[in-house]
Amino acid sequence: MWVTEQTGALVFSGGKESWLAATVAAAECQTFSLDVDEEIVADEERSCYNCRYRRWTATSFTCQAINRRPQ
């Protein structure tokens, strides 16, 4: 579900239109945090697409929360 770029950034492999996969990923995420109302894009509240830690890219998004998790 995640691809690590050469920079170390974790990119969601489903892109911007994998609504079910983004919901599943968020359900499994311990650091999910709902973004502000203006940034909500998915109907399912708990979705990576609605997370305050996602940063959009041209084709998908990176997850900033995963980068902060203790190893």
Protein backbone atom coordinates (compact mmCIF):
# COMPACT_ATOMS: atom_id res chain seq x y z
CA MET A 1 0.00 0.00 0.00
CA TRP A 2 3.02 2.26 0.53
CA VAL A 3 6.05 2.88 -1.67
CA THR A 4 9.24 4.35 -0.26
CA GLU A 5 10.84 6.91 -2.57
CA GLN A 6 14.58 7.44 -2.78
CA THR A 7 14.14 10.46 -0.51
CA GLY A 8 12.59 8.23 2.14
CA ALA A 9 9.09 9.66 1.67
CA LEU A 10 6.28 7.12 1.94
CA VAL A 11 3.86 7.46 -0.97
CA PHE A 12 0.40 5.91 -1.08
CA SER A 13 0.48 3.47 -4.01
CA GLY A 14 -3.25 3.79 -4.69
CA GLY A 15 -3.02 7.32 -6.02
CA LYS A 16 -5.85 9.81 -5.64
CA GLU A 17 -8.77 7.55 -6.55
CA SER A 18 -8.37 4.44 -4.37
CA TRP A 19 -11.14 5.32 -1.94
CA LEU A 20 -11.48 1.86 -0.36
CA ALA A 21 -7.72 1.35 0.02
CA ALA A 22 -7.36 4.77 1.67
CA THR A 23 -10.12 3.86 4.12
CA VAL A 24 -8.51 0.51 4.94
CA ALA A 25 -5.10 2.13 5.45
CA ALA A 26 -6.56 4.75 7.79
CA ALA A 27 -8.39 2.08 9.80
CA GLU A 28 -5.05 0.36 10.43
CA CYS A 29 -3.17 3.59 11.21
CA GLN A 30 -2.39 4.42 14.84
CA THR A 31 -1.59 8.06 14.07
CA PHE A 32 -4.62 9.01 11.95
CA SER A 33 -5.93 12.46 12.77
CA LEU A 34 -8.89 14.05 10.99
CA ASP A 35 -7.99 17.20 9.08
CA VAL A 36 -9.96 20.47 9.23
CA ASP A 37 -13.36 20.61 7.51
CA GLU A 38 -12.03 22.51 4.49
CA GLU A 39 -9.60 19.68 3.70
CA ILE A 40 -12.07 16.78 3.89
CA VAL A 41 -12.44 15.09 0.49
CA ALA A 42 -13.65 11.53 1.19
CA ASP A 43 -17.14 10.52 2.31
CA GLU A 44 -15.71 8.10 4.86
CA GLU A 45 -14.42 10.25 7.71
CA ARG A 46 -11.57 7.90 8.61
CA SER A 47 -9.67 7.85 5.32
CA CYS A 48 -6.08 8.74 4.51
CA TYR A 49 -7.53 11.28 2.09
CA ASN A 50 -8.96 13.12 5.12
CA CYS A 51 -5.92 12.86 7.37
CA ARG A 52 -4.09 15.95 8.57
CA TYR A 53 -0.76 14.18 8.01
CA ARG A 54 -1.18 13.56 4.27
CA ARG A 55 0.52 15.85 1.78
CA TRP A 56 -0.78 15.79 -1.77
CA THR A 57 1.57 15.13 -4.68
CA ALA A 58 0.86 15.29 -8.41
CA THR A 59 -0.35 11.67 -8.49
CA SER A 60 -1.00 10.64 -4.87
CA PHE A 61 0.08 11.77 -1.39
CA THR A 62 2.84 11.21 1.10
CA CYS A 63 2.20 10.27 4.71
CA GLN A 64 3.97 12.47 7.21
CA ALA A 65 2.63 10.54 10.23
CA ILE A 66 4.35 7.32 9.22
CA ASN A 67 7.64 9.20 9.07
CA ARG A 68 7.22 10.21 12.73
CA ARG A 69 6.46 6.75 14.10
CA PRO A 70 9.08 5.31 16.42
CA GLN A 71 11.12 2.54 14.78
